[in-house]
Each structure stands twice: as C-alpha cells, then as structure tokens.
N, C-alpha and C. Protein backbone atom coordinates (compact mmCIF):
# COMPACT_ATOMS: atom_id res chain seq x y z
N UNK A 1 0.82 -1.19 0.00
CA UNK A 1 0.00 0.00 0.00
C UNK A 1 0.87 1.26 0.00
N UNK A 2 1.97 1.20 0.75
CA UNK A 2 2.87 2.36 0.81
C UNK A 2 3.51 2.61 -0.56
N UNK A 3 3.82 1.53 -1.28
CA UNK A 3 4.42 1.68 -2.60
C UNK A 3 3.45 2.35 -3.57
N UNK A 4 2.18 1.96 -3.50
CA UNK A 4 1.17 2.57 -4.37
C UNK A 4 1.00 4.05 -4.04
N UNK A 5 0.98 4.38 -2.77
CA UNK A 5 0.85 5.79 -2.36
C UNK A 5 2.06 6.59 -2.82
N UNK A 6 3.25 6.03 -2.68
CA UNK A 6 4.47 6.71 -3.14
C UNK A 6 4.44 6.91 -4.65
N UNK A 7 4.01 5.89 -5.38
CA UNK A 7 3.91 5.97 -6.84
C UNK A 7 2.94 7.07 -7.25
N UNK A 8 1.74 7.06 -6.67
CA UNK A 8 0.73 8.06 -7.02
C UNK A 8 1.13 9.46 -6.57
N UNK A 9 1.81 9.56 -5.44
CA UNK A 9 2.28 10.87 -4.96
C UNK A 9 3.31 11.46 -5.91
N UNK A 10 4.23 10.63 -6.39
CA UNK A 10 5.24 11.11 -7.33
C UNK A 10 4.61 11.60 -8.63
N UNK A 11 3.67 10.83 -9.16
CA UNK A 11 3.00 11.24 -10.39
C UNK A 11 2.18 12.51 -10.16
N UNK A 12 1.53 12.60 -9.00
CA UNK A 12 0.73 13.79 -8.69
C UNK A 12 1.61 15.02 -8.58
N UNK A 13 2.77 14.89 -7.95
CA UNK A 13 3.69 16.03 -7.83
C UNK A 13 4.16 16.48 -9.21
N UNK A 14 4.53 15.53 -10.06
CA UNK A 14 4.97 15.90 -11.41
C UNK A 14 3.84 16.57 -12.19
N UNK A 15 2.64 16.05 -12.06
CA UNK A 15 1.50 16.62 -12.78
C UNK A 15 1.16 18.02 -12.27
N UNK A 16 1.19 18.21 -10.95
CA UNK A 16 0.90 19.54 -10.40
C UNK A 16 1.96 20.56 -10.79
N UNK A 17 3.23 20.15 -10.78
CA UNK A 17 4.29 21.05 -11.24
C UNK A 17 4.11 21.39 -12.72
N UNK A 18 3.74 20.39 -13.51
CA UNK A 18 3.50 20.60 -14.93
C UNK A 18 2.36 21.58 -15.15
N UNK A 19 1.27 21.40 -14.43
CA UNK A 19 0.12 22.30 -14.56
C UNK A 19 0.47 23.71 -14.09
N UNK A 20 1.20 23.81 -12.98
CA UNK A 20 1.58 25.12 -12.45
C UNK A 20 2.46 25.91 -13.40
N UNK A 21 3.47 25.25 -13.96
CA UNK A 21 4.37 25.94 -14.89
C UNK A 21 3.64 26.31 -16.17
N UNK A 22 2.78 25.43 -16.65
CA UNK A 22 2.04 25.76 -17.87
C UNK A 22 1.06 26.91 -17.63
N UNK A 23 0.52 27.02 -16.43
CA UNK A 23 -0.38 28.13 -16.11
C UNK A 23 0.40 29.44 -16.00
N UNK A 24 1.55 29.41 -15.35
CA UNK A 24 2.35 30.62 -15.17
C UNK A 24 2.86 31.15 -16.51
N UNK A 25 3.34 30.27 -17.38
CA UNK A 25 3.91 30.70 -18.65
C UNK A 25 2.91 30.69 -19.80
N UNK A 26 1.64 30.39 -19.52
CA UNK A 26 0.57 30.42 -20.51
C UNK A 26 0.88 29.55 -21.73
N UNK A 27 1.27 28.31 -21.48
CA UNK A 27 1.51 27.35 -22.55
C UNK A 27 0.68 26.09 -22.26
N UNK A 28 0.52 25.26 -23.27
CA UNK A 28 -0.26 24.04 -23.09
C UNK A 28 0.50 23.04 -22.24
N UNK A 29 -0.24 22.26 -21.48
CA UNK A 29 0.36 21.25 -20.61
C UNK A 29 1.12 20.21 -21.44
N UNK A 30 0.57 19.84 -22.56
CA UNK A 30 1.18 18.81 -23.40
C UNK A 30 2.54 19.26 -23.95
N UNK A 31 2.74 20.56 -24.08
CA UNK A 31 4.00 21.07 -24.63
C UNK A 31 5.18 20.84 -23.70
N UNK A 32 4.94 20.81 -22.40
CA UNK A 32 6.05 20.64 -21.47
C UNK A 32 5.96 19.35 -20.67
N UNK A 33 4.97 18.50 -20.95
CA UNK A 33 4.83 17.24 -20.22
C UNK A 33 6.02 16.33 -20.45
N UNK A 34 6.52 16.28 -21.68
CA UNK A 34 7.69 15.46 -22.01
C UNK A 34 8.90 15.92 -21.20
N UNK A 35 9.10 17.23 -21.13
CA UNK A 35 10.23 17.78 -20.39
C UNK A 35 10.11 17.50 -18.90
N UNK A 36 8.91 17.59 -18.35
CA UNK A 36 8.73 17.31 -16.93
C UNK A 36 8.94 15.83 -16.62
N UNK A 37 8.56 14.95 -17.53
CA UNK A 37 8.84 13.53 -17.34
C UNK A 37 10.32 13.25 -17.32
N UNK A 38 11.05 13.86 -18.23
CA UNK A 38 12.49 13.71 -18.27
C UNK A 38 13.14 14.32 -17.03
N UNK A 39 12.65 15.47 -16.61
CA UNK A 39 13.16 16.12 -15.41
C UNK A 39 12.90 15.25 -14.18
N UNK A 40 11.74 14.62 -14.12
CA UNK A 40 11.44 13.72 -13.00
C UNK A 40 12.40 12.56 -12.93
N UNK A 41 12.75 11.99 -14.08
CA UNK A 41 13.72 10.90 -14.11
C UNK A 41 15.09 11.39 -13.65
N UNK A 42 15.50 12.55 -14.13
CA UNK A 42 16.82 13.08 -13.77
C UNK A 42 16.91 13.44 -12.29
N UNK A 43 15.80 13.85 -11.70
CA UNK A 43 15.81 14.20 -10.28
C UNK A 43 15.83 12.95 -9.41
N UNK A 44 15.08 11.93 -9.79
CA UNK A 44 15.01 10.73 -8.95
C UNK A 44 16.14 9.74 -9.20
N UNK A 45 16.74 9.74 -10.37
CA UNK A 45 17.76 8.75 -10.69
C UNK A 45 19.02 8.85 -9.83
N UNK A 46 19.57 10.02 -9.55
CA UNK A 46 20.79 10.05 -8.73
C UNK A 46 20.58 9.57 -7.30
N UNK A 47 19.35 9.52 -6.83
CA UNK A 47 19.07 9.09 -5.48
C UNK A 47 18.66 7.63 -5.40
N UNK A 48 18.88 6.89 -6.46
CA UNK A 48 18.39 5.53 -6.53
C UNK A 48 19.54 4.56 -6.74
N UNK A 49 19.54 3.43 -6.05
CA UNK A 49 20.61 2.46 -6.23
C UNK A 49 20.64 1.85 -7.63
N UNK A 50 19.54 1.92 -8.37
CA UNK A 50 19.54 1.40 -9.73
C UNK A 50 20.43 2.21 -10.65
N UNK A 51 20.69 3.46 -10.29
CA UNK A 51 21.43 4.35 -11.18
C UNK A 51 22.86 4.58 -10.72
N UNK A 52 23.44 3.64 -9.99
CA UNK A 52 24.83 3.81 -9.54
C UNK A 52 25.80 3.88 -10.72
N UNK A 53 25.44 3.30 -11.85
CA UNK A 53 26.32 3.35 -13.01
C UNK A 53 26.47 4.76 -13.54
N UNK A 54 25.48 5.63 -13.27
CA UNK A 54 25.53 7.00 -13.77
C UNK A 54 26.18 7.96 -12.78
N UNK A 55 26.37 7.53 -11.54
CA UNK A 55 26.98 8.39 -10.54
C UNK A 55 28.49 8.36 -10.69
N UNK A 56 29.12 9.49 -10.48
CA UNK A 56 30.57 9.58 -10.64
C UNK A 56 31.30 8.81 -9.54
N UNK A 57 30.86 8.95 -8.30
CA UNK A 57 31.51 8.30 -7.17
C UNK A 57 30.50 7.57 -6.29
N UNK A 58 30.08 6.39 -6.68
CA UNK A 58 29.15 5.67 -5.82
C UNK A 58 29.86 5.13 -4.59
N UNK A 59 29.32 5.43 -3.44
CA UNK A 59 29.91 4.98 -2.19
C UNK A 59 29.07 3.86 -1.62
N UNK A 60 29.72 2.81 -1.18
CA UNK A 60 29.01 1.65 -0.66
C UNK A 60 28.29 1.99 0.63
N UNK A 61 28.91 2.77 1.50
CA UNK A 61 28.29 3.07 2.79
C UNK A 61 27.08 4.00 2.65
N UNK A 62 26.96 4.72 1.56
CA UNK A 62 25.84 5.63 1.36
C UNK A 62 24.68 4.92 0.66
N UNK A 63 24.96 3.84 -0.04
CA UNK A 63 23.94 3.18 -0.84
C UNK A 63 22.75 2.72 0.00
N UNK A 64 23.00 2.17 1.16
CA UNK A 64 21.90 1.73 2.01
C UNK A 64 21.01 2.88 2.44
N UNK A 65 21.60 4.02 2.74
CA UNK A 65 20.82 5.19 3.14
C UNK A 65 19.97 5.70 1.99
N UNK A 66 20.51 5.73 0.79
CA UNK A 66 19.74 6.21 -0.35
C UNK A 66 18.57 5.29 -0.64
N UNK A 67 18.82 4.00 -0.57
CA UNK A 67 17.75 3.05 -0.86
C UNK A 67 16.62 3.16 0.16
N UNK A 68 16.99 3.32 1.42
CA UNK A 68 15.97 3.41 2.46
C UNK A 68 15.17 4.71 2.36
N UNK A 69 15.84 5.79 1.93
CA UNK A 69 15.16 7.08 1.89
C UNK A 69 14.26 7.23 0.67
N UNK A 70 14.74 6.85 -0.50
CA UNK A 70 13.99 7.11 -1.73
C UNK A 70 13.37 5.85 -2.33
N UNK A 71 14.07 4.75 -2.33
CA UNK A 71 13.54 3.54 -2.93
C UNK A 71 13.51 3.61 -4.45
N UNK A 72 12.91 2.60 -5.04
CA UNK A 72 12.85 2.51 -6.50
C UNK A 72 11.56 3.08 -7.07
N UNK A 73 10.55 3.22 -6.24
CA UNK A 73 9.22 3.59 -6.72
C UNK A 73 9.19 4.98 -7.39
N UNK A 74 9.81 6.03 -6.82
CA UNK A 74 9.77 7.33 -7.51
C UNK A 74 10.40 7.30 -8.90
N UNK A 75 11.44 6.51 -9.07
CA UNK A 75 12.06 6.39 -10.39
C UNK A 75 11.11 5.72 -11.38
N UNK A 76 10.43 4.67 -10.94
CA UNK A 76 9.46 4.00 -11.80
C UNK A 76 8.28 4.91 -12.12
N UNK A 77 7.85 5.70 -11.14
CA UNK A 77 6.74 6.63 -11.36
C UNK A 77 7.14 7.71 -12.36
N UNK A 78 8.35 8.25 -12.21
CA UNK A 78 8.82 9.27 -13.15
C UNK A 78 8.98 8.67 -14.55
N UNK A 79 9.44 7.43 -14.63
CA UNK A 79 9.55 6.76 -15.92
C UNK A 79 8.19 6.54 -16.56
N UNK A 80 7.21 6.17 -15.75
CA UNK A 80 5.85 5.99 -16.26
C UNK A 80 5.28 7.31 -16.76
N UNK A 81 5.50 8.38 -15.99
CA UNK A 81 5.03 9.71 -16.40
C UNK A 81 5.69 10.11 -17.72
N UNK A 82 6.98 9.83 -17.84
CA UNK A 82 7.72 10.16 -19.05
C UNK A 82 7.16 9.39 -20.26
N UNK A 83 6.89 8.09 -20.08
CA UNK A 83 6.35 7.30 -21.19
C UNK A 83 4.96 7.76 -21.59
N UNK A 84 4.11 8.03 -20.61
CA UNK A 84 2.76 8.51 -20.92
C UNK A 84 2.82 9.88 -21.60
N UNK A 85 3.70 10.75 -21.11
CA UNK A 85 3.85 12.07 -21.72
C UNK A 85 4.40 11.96 -23.15
N UNK A 86 5.31 11.03 -23.37
CA UNK A 86 5.86 10.83 -24.71
C UNK A 86 4.78 10.37 -25.69
N UNK A 87 3.98 9.40 -25.26
CA UNK A 87 2.91 8.90 -26.12
C UNK A 87 1.87 9.99 -26.37
N UNK A 88 1.51 10.73 -25.32
CA UNK A 88 0.52 11.80 -25.47
C UNK A 88 1.03 12.90 -26.39
N UNK A 89 2.31 13.24 -26.27
CA UNK A 89 2.90 14.25 -27.15
C UNK A 89 2.91 13.78 -28.60
N UNK A 90 3.27 12.51 -28.80
CA UNK A 90 3.27 11.97 -30.16
C UNK A 90 1.87 11.98 -30.76
N UNK A 91 0.87 11.58 -29.97
CA UNK A 91 -0.51 11.57 -30.47
C UNK A 91 -0.99 12.98 -30.77
N UNK A 92 -0.66 13.92 -29.88
CA UNK A 92 -1.12 15.30 -30.06
C UNK A 92 -0.49 15.94 -31.30
N UNK A 93 0.81 15.68 -31.51
CA UNK A 93 1.52 16.27 -32.65
C UNK A 93 1.77 15.25 -33.75
N UNK A 94 0.85 14.34 -33.95
CA UNK A 94 1.02 13.27 -34.92
C UNK A 94 1.21 13.79 -36.34
N UNK A 95 0.56 14.87 -36.67
CA UNK A 95 0.69 15.40 -38.04
C UNK A 95 2.10 15.93 -38.30
N UNK A 96 2.82 16.35 -37.27
CA UNK A 96 4.19 16.83 -37.45
C UNK A 96 5.18 15.68 -37.59
N UNK A 97 4.89 14.56 -36.92
CA UNK A 97 5.82 13.43 -36.94
C UNK A 97 5.67 12.56 -38.17
N UNK A 98 4.48 12.52 -38.73
CA UNK A 98 4.25 11.60 -39.86
C UNK A 98 4.13 12.37 -41.15
C-alpha cells in the first residue's frame, strides 16, 4: 500500500508542477509534459541504487541510506510519467511526426 501511495504521490507532484508551470507561462500542458517527465527521471535517478552506473563516485556506505530514503518507486513513477507524456505528445503532434 505504501508503494502505491508513493507511486501516485510522485506522479501527482509531477502533474501539479507541470500544470503550475504551464499556467504561469501560458503554454499548453502537453507542450512541457515530455520535459517534466524527463526532469522527473533526472531528479530521482541520482538518489536511486539502480542508477549507480551514472553516478561519478558511488559509495558503498551511502547506498543503504539512499535506498531506504527514496527507494525505487519514484524512479518507476517518473519513468511511467515520461512514457505517458511521450505517447501523449506523439498523439497530439502526430501530423508533425508523420
């Protein structure tokens, strides 16, 4: 249950940030959804043990703390948001891609 709440909370935070920025800058949500999905992955990846290959100096003694604090769920949620945003962007701008 905690994993589901964490997953939904991460997606909700990304969506609310996306809506807020699109409202402030008067642009469509779909125009920046792809960027927010990518930003979500970049923010959650350095704090995840799955992404140690991308870190410059992974420390063994810190890995346990990172895993306990963040876990894998926010990274999966950001990845899901990114995939959904990518598909939605492609569908919305289908005439430009094809």
